[in-house]
Amino acid sequence: MDVDDAELDLRTRLNGETAKLIWPELERHFARGAVIRVDQSLDLIDVAVSVSEDDKEKVEAWMKSGLVDHPSMEDAKDWVERQPDFWSVVVAPWVLIQEVSEDS
């Protein structure tokens, strides 16, 4: 299996493990610092693959630009009030989340 096949298998597996959750289902993960917010401009699976493969350069660039980060208490309060849906995928020890956009 070459690198492209391995990444495709990882991408397929992560895509299959993606679930739509609501904030109350994510709160305990937030409380233990395991939630990573992914901006809607990024593909959640692309980010999950990069995190899983420990692609520090790519992940650090996203973090520096604010596209991938740990949510703040203000984010959590907003989500408690609005109760949006999130796409989520676990890349241990992290739970990557992305708010579902209105048009998805």
N, C-alpha and C. Protein backbone atom coordinates (compact mmCIF):
# COMPACT_ATOMS: atom_id res chain seq x y z
N MET A 1 0.86 -1.17 0.00
CA MET A 1 0.00 0.00 0.00
C MET A 1 0.90 1.23 0.00
N ASP A 2 0.70 2.12 -0.98
CA ASP A 2 1.52 3.33 -1.00
C ASP A 2 0.90 4.42 -0.13
N VAL A 3 1.60 5.55 -0.03
CA VAL A 3 1.16 6.64 0.86
C VAL A 3 -0.22 7.15 0.49
N ASP A 4 -0.48 7.29 -0.82
CA ASP A 4 -1.79 7.78 -1.24
C ASP A 4 -2.91 6.84 -0.83
N ASP A 5 -2.66 5.53 -0.96
CA ASP A 5 -3.67 4.54 -0.54
C ASP A 5 -3.89 4.60 0.98
N ALA A 6 -2.79 4.75 1.73
CA ALA A 6 -2.90 4.83 3.19
C ALA A 6 -3.69 6.06 3.60
N GLU A 7 -3.42 7.21 2.95
CA GLU A 7 -4.17 8.43 3.29
C GLU A 7 -5.63 8.28 2.89
N LEU A 8 -5.89 7.67 1.74
CA LEU A 8 -7.27 7.45 1.31
C LEU A 8 -8.00 6.56 2.30
N ASP A 9 -7.34 5.50 2.78
CA ASP A 9 -7.96 4.63 3.79
C ASP A 9 -8.24 5.40 5.07
N LEU A 10 -7.29 6.23 5.52
CA LEU A 10 -7.49 7.04 6.71
C LEU A 10 -8.64 8.02 6.51
N ARG A 11 -8.65 8.68 5.36
CA ARG A 11 -9.71 9.64 5.04
C ARG A 11 -11.07 8.96 5.04
N THR A 12 -11.13 7.78 4.44
CA THR A 12 -12.40 7.03 4.38
C THR A 12 -12.85 6.63 5.79
N ARG A 13 -11.90 6.15 6.59
CA ARG A 13 -12.24 5.75 7.97
C ARG A 13 -12.73 6.95 8.78
N LEU A 14 -12.00 8.06 8.71
CA LEU A 14 -12.40 9.25 9.47
C LEU A 14 -13.75 9.78 8.99
N ASN A 15 -13.96 9.77 7.70
CA ASN A 15 -15.25 10.24 7.17
C ASN A 15 -16.39 9.37 7.70
N GLY A 16 -16.15 8.06 7.79
CA GLY A 16 -17.16 7.15 8.31
C GLY A 16 -17.42 7.30 9.80
N GLU A 17 -16.45 7.88 10.51
CA GLU A 17 -16.58 8.08 11.96
C GLU A 17 -17.10 9.46 12.32
N THR A 18 -17.38 10.28 11.32
CA THR A 18 -17.90 11.62 11.56
C THR A 18 -19.37 11.52 11.97
N ALA A 19 -19.73 12.32 12.97
CA ALA A 19 -21.11 12.31 13.45
C ALA A 19 -21.59 13.72 13.68
N LYS A 20 -22.89 13.91 13.58
CA LYS A 20 -23.49 15.20 13.88
C LYS A 20 -23.94 15.15 15.35
N LEU A 21 -23.43 16.10 16.15
CA LEU A 21 -23.74 16.15 17.57
C LEU A 21 -24.23 17.54 17.95
N ILE A 22 -24.87 17.60 19.11
CA ILE A 22 -25.28 18.89 19.67
C ILE A 22 -24.35 19.22 20.83
N TRP A 23 -24.33 20.50 21.22
CA TRP A 23 -23.37 20.95 22.23
C TRP A 23 -23.41 20.15 23.54
N PRO A 24 -24.58 19.84 24.10
CA PRO A 24 -24.58 19.08 25.36
C PRO A 24 -23.81 17.76 25.27
N GLU A 25 -23.74 17.16 24.07
CA GLU A 25 -22.98 15.91 23.90
C GLU A 25 -21.47 16.17 23.86
N LEU A 26 -21.08 17.43 23.68
CA LEU A 26 -19.67 17.78 23.57
C LEU A 26 -19.12 18.47 24.81
N GLU A 27 -20.00 18.92 25.68
CA GLU A 27 -19.58 19.72 26.85
C GLU A 27 -18.54 19.03 27.73
N ARG A 28 -18.70 17.74 27.97
CA ARG A 28 -17.74 17.06 28.86
C ARG A 28 -16.36 17.01 28.21
N HIS A 29 -16.30 16.90 26.90
CA HIS A 29 -15.01 16.91 26.20
C HIS A 29 -14.39 18.31 26.26
N PHE A 30 -15.23 19.32 26.14
CA PHE A 30 -14.77 20.71 26.28
C PHE A 30 -14.19 20.93 27.69
N ALA A 31 -14.89 20.41 28.69
CA ALA A 31 -14.46 20.59 30.08
C ALA A 31 -13.09 19.97 30.34
N ARG A 32 -12.74 18.91 29.62
CA ARG A 32 -11.43 18.29 29.83
C ARG A 32 -10.39 18.81 28.84
N GLY A 33 -10.76 19.84 28.05
CA GLY A 33 -9.81 20.48 27.15
C GLY A 33 -9.52 19.71 25.88
N ALA A 34 -10.41 18.81 25.50
CA ALA A 34 -10.15 17.94 24.35
C ALA A 34 -10.81 18.38 23.06
N VAL A 35 -11.58 19.47 23.10
CA VAL A 35 -12.29 19.92 21.90
C VAL A 35 -11.41 20.86 21.09
N ILE A 36 -11.37 20.64 19.79
CA ILE A 36 -10.68 21.51 18.85
C ILE A 36 -11.73 22.01 17.85
N ARG A 37 -11.85 23.34 17.76
CA ARG A 37 -12.81 23.95 16.84
C ARG A 37 -12.14 24.12 15.47
N VAL A 38 -12.85 23.73 14.42
CA VAL A 38 -12.37 23.85 13.05
C VAL A 38 -13.28 24.83 12.32
N ASP A 39 -12.67 25.87 11.75
CA ASP A 39 -13.43 26.89 11.03
C ASP A 39 -14.19 26.27 9.85
N GLN A 40 -15.33 26.85 9.53
CA GLN A 40 -16.17 26.33 8.45
C GLN A 40 -15.52 26.47 7.09
N SER A 41 -14.49 27.29 6.97
CA SER A 41 -13.81 27.44 5.68
C SER A 41 -12.90 26.26 5.36
N LEU A 42 -12.63 25.42 6.36
CA LEU A 42 -11.78 24.24 6.18
C LEU A 42 -12.63 22.98 6.07
N ASP A 43 -12.09 21.97 5.44
CA ASP A 43 -12.73 20.66 5.39
C ASP A 43 -12.36 19.90 6.67
N LEU A 44 -13.36 19.51 7.43
CA LEU A 44 -13.13 18.83 8.71
C LEU A 44 -12.26 17.58 8.53
N ILE A 45 -12.50 16.82 7.48
CA ILE A 45 -11.74 15.59 7.27
C ILE A 45 -10.29 15.91 6.90
N ASP A 46 -10.05 16.97 6.12
CA ASP A 46 -8.67 17.38 5.82
C ASP A 46 -7.92 17.67 7.12
N VAL A 47 -8.57 18.39 8.02
CA VAL A 47 -7.94 18.73 9.30
C VAL A 47 -7.72 17.46 10.12
N ALA A 48 -8.71 16.59 10.16
CA ALA A 48 -8.58 15.35 10.93
C ALA A 48 -7.43 14.49 10.40
N VAL A 49 -7.28 14.41 9.09
CA VAL A 49 -6.17 13.65 8.50
C VAL A 49 -4.85 14.28 8.91
N SER A 50 -4.75 15.60 8.84
CA SER A 50 -3.50 16.28 9.21
C SER A 50 -3.16 16.09 10.68
N VAL A 51 -4.16 16.14 11.55
CA VAL A 51 -3.93 15.93 12.98
C VAL A 51 -3.51 14.47 13.20
N SER A 52 -4.21 13.56 12.57
CA SER A 52 -3.92 12.13 12.73
C SER A 52 -2.50 11.80 12.25
N GLU A 53 -2.07 12.44 11.18
CA GLU A 53 -0.73 12.17 10.63
C GLU A 53 0.34 13.04 11.27
N ASP A 54 -0.06 13.83 12.28
CA ASP A 54 0.86 14.70 13.01
C ASP A 54 1.60 15.66 12.07
N ASP A 55 0.85 16.26 11.13
CA ASP A 55 1.40 17.23 10.19
C ASP A 55 1.48 18.59 10.90
N LYS A 56 2.52 18.74 11.72
CA LYS A 56 2.67 19.92 12.57
C LYS A 56 2.67 21.22 11.78
N GLU A 57 3.35 21.23 10.65
CA GLU A 57 3.45 22.46 9.85
C GLU A 57 2.07 22.96 9.42
N LYS A 58 1.26 22.07 8.90
CA LYS A 58 -0.07 22.44 8.43
C LYS A 58 -0.98 22.84 9.60
N VAL A 59 -0.98 22.03 10.67
CA VAL A 59 -1.84 22.31 11.82
C VAL A 59 -1.43 23.61 12.49
N GLU A 60 -0.14 23.85 12.66
CA GLU A 60 0.33 25.09 13.27
C GLU A 60 -0.05 26.31 12.44
N ALA A 61 0.00 26.18 11.12
CA ALA A 61 -0.40 27.29 10.24
C ALA A 61 -1.88 27.61 10.43
N TRP A 62 -2.71 26.57 10.51
CA TRP A 62 -4.14 26.80 10.75
C TRP A 62 -4.37 27.43 12.12
N MET A 63 -3.62 26.96 13.11
CA MET A 63 -3.78 27.51 14.46
C MET A 63 -3.34 28.98 14.50
N LYS A 64 -2.23 29.27 13.86
CA LYS A 64 -1.73 30.65 13.82
C LYS A 64 -2.74 31.60 13.19
N SER A 65 -3.43 31.11 12.17
CA SER A 65 -4.41 31.94 11.47
C SER A 65 -5.78 31.94 12.15
N GLY A 66 -5.93 31.14 13.23
CA GLY A 66 -7.20 31.09 13.96
C GLY A 66 -8.25 30.19 13.33
N LEU A 67 -7.86 29.41 12.34
CA LEU A 67 -8.82 28.52 11.68
C LEU A 67 -9.04 27.21 12.45
N VAL A 68 -8.08 26.86 13.28
CA VAL A 68 -8.16 25.67 14.14
C VAL A 68 -7.70 26.12 15.52
N ASP A 69 -8.54 25.90 16.53
CA ASP A 69 -8.15 26.32 17.88
C ASP A 69 -9.02 25.66 18.94
N HIS A 70 -8.59 25.86 20.18
CA HIS A 70 -9.41 25.41 21.30
C HIS A 70 -10.50 26.46 21.49
N PRO A 71 -11.75 26.03 21.60
CA PRO A 71 -12.82 27.01 21.82
C PRO A 71 -12.68 27.68 23.19
N SER A 72 -13.13 28.92 23.24
CA SER A 72 -13.08 29.70 24.48
C SER A 72 -14.35 29.49 25.30
N MET A 73 -14.33 30.00 26.51
CA MET A 73 -15.55 29.97 27.34
C MET A 73 -16.66 30.77 26.67
N GLU A 74 -16.30 31.85 25.97
CA GLU A 74 -17.29 32.65 25.26
C GLU A 74 -17.95 31.82 24.15
N ASP A 75 -17.13 31.01 23.45
CA ASP A 75 -17.68 30.12 22.43
C ASP A 75 -18.68 29.16 23.07
N ALA A 76 -18.28 28.56 24.19
CA ALA A 76 -19.15 27.59 24.87
C ALA A 76 -20.46 28.25 25.31
N LYS A 77 -20.37 29.46 25.86
CA LYS A 77 -21.60 30.16 26.28
C LYS A 77 -22.50 30.43 25.08
N ASP A 78 -21.91 30.84 23.96
CA ASP A 78 -22.67 31.08 22.74
C ASP A 78 -23.37 29.80 22.29
N TRP A 79 -22.64 28.67 22.33
CA TRP A 79 -23.22 27.42 21.89
C TRP A 79 -24.31 26.93 22.83
N VAL A 80 -24.18 27.21 24.12
CA VAL A 80 -25.24 26.86 25.07
C VAL A 80 -26.51 27.62 24.72
N GLU A 81 -26.35 28.90 24.39
CA GLU A 81 -27.51 29.73 24.05
C GLU A 81 -28.15 29.34 22.72
N ARG A 82 -27.33 29.14 21.71
CA ARG A 82 -27.85 28.89 20.35
C ARG A 82 -28.15 27.42 20.07
N GLN A 83 -27.47 26.50 20.74
CA GLN A 83 -27.63 25.06 20.52
C GLN A 83 -27.47 24.64 19.04
N PRO A 84 -26.34 25.03 18.42
CA PRO A 84 -26.13 24.61 17.03
C PRO A 84 -25.73 23.14 16.95
N ASP A 85 -25.84 22.59 15.76
CA ASP A 85 -25.34 21.25 15.49
C ASP A 85 -23.87 21.36 15.09
N PHE A 86 -23.13 20.30 15.35
CA PHE A 86 -21.72 20.24 14.99
C PHE A 86 -21.42 18.94 14.28
N TRP A 87 -20.56 19.02 13.26
CA TRP A 87 -19.94 17.82 12.74
C TRP A 87 -18.78 17.53 13.65
N SER A 88 -18.56 16.29 14.00
CA SER A 88 -17.46 15.96 14.90
C SER A 88 -16.80 14.66 14.46
N VAL A 89 -15.51 14.59 14.80
CA VAL A 89 -14.75 13.37 14.55
C VAL A 89 -13.66 13.29 15.61
N VAL A 90 -13.44 12.09 16.11
CA VAL A 90 -12.43 11.89 17.15
C VAL A 90 -11.11 11.50 16.50
N VAL A 91 -10.08 12.26 16.84
CA VAL A 91 -8.70 11.91 16.51
C VAL A 91 -8.00 11.97 17.87
N ALA A 92 -8.02 10.83 18.55
CA ALA A 92 -7.57 10.76 19.94
C ALA A 92 -6.23 11.47 20.14
N PRO A 93 -6.15 12.27 21.18
CA PRO A 93 -7.11 12.48 22.27
C PRO A 93 -8.10 13.61 21.99
N TRP A 94 -8.14 14.09 20.75
CA TRP A 94 -8.94 15.27 20.44
C TRP A 94 -10.30 14.92 19.86
N VAL A 95 -11.25 15.82 20.08
CA VAL A 95 -12.55 15.77 19.41
C VAL A 95 -12.60 17.02 18.55
N LEU A 96 -12.52 16.84 17.25
CA LEU A 96 -12.57 17.97 16.32
C LEU A 96 -14.02 18.27 16.01
N ILE A 97 -14.39 19.54 16.10
CA ILE A 97 -15.77 19.92 15.84
C ILE A 97 -15.82 21.06 14.84
N GLN A 98 -16.90 21.10 14.10
CA GLN A 98 -17.12 22.18 13.15
C GLN A 98 -18.62 22.45 13.15
N GLU A 99 -18.96 23.71 13.42
CA GLU A 99 -20.37 24.06 13.45
C GLU A 99 -20.99 23.82 12.08
N VAL A 100 -22.16 23.21 12.07
CA VAL A 100 -22.86 22.96 10.82
C VAL A 100 -23.36 24.28 10.27
N SER A 101 -23.03 24.56 9.04
CA SER A 101 -23.46 25.82 8.42
C SER A 101 -24.93 25.73 8.06
N GLU A 102 -25.52 26.88 7.91
CA GLU A 102 -26.95 26.95 7.60
C GLU A 102 -27.28 26.27 6.27
N ASP A 103 -26.33 26.25 5.33
CA ASP A 103 -26.61 25.69 4.01
C ASP A 103 -26.17 24.23 3.85
N SER A 104 -25.83 23.56 4.98
CA SER A 104 -25.46 22.15 4.85
C SER A 104 -26.49 21.23 5.45
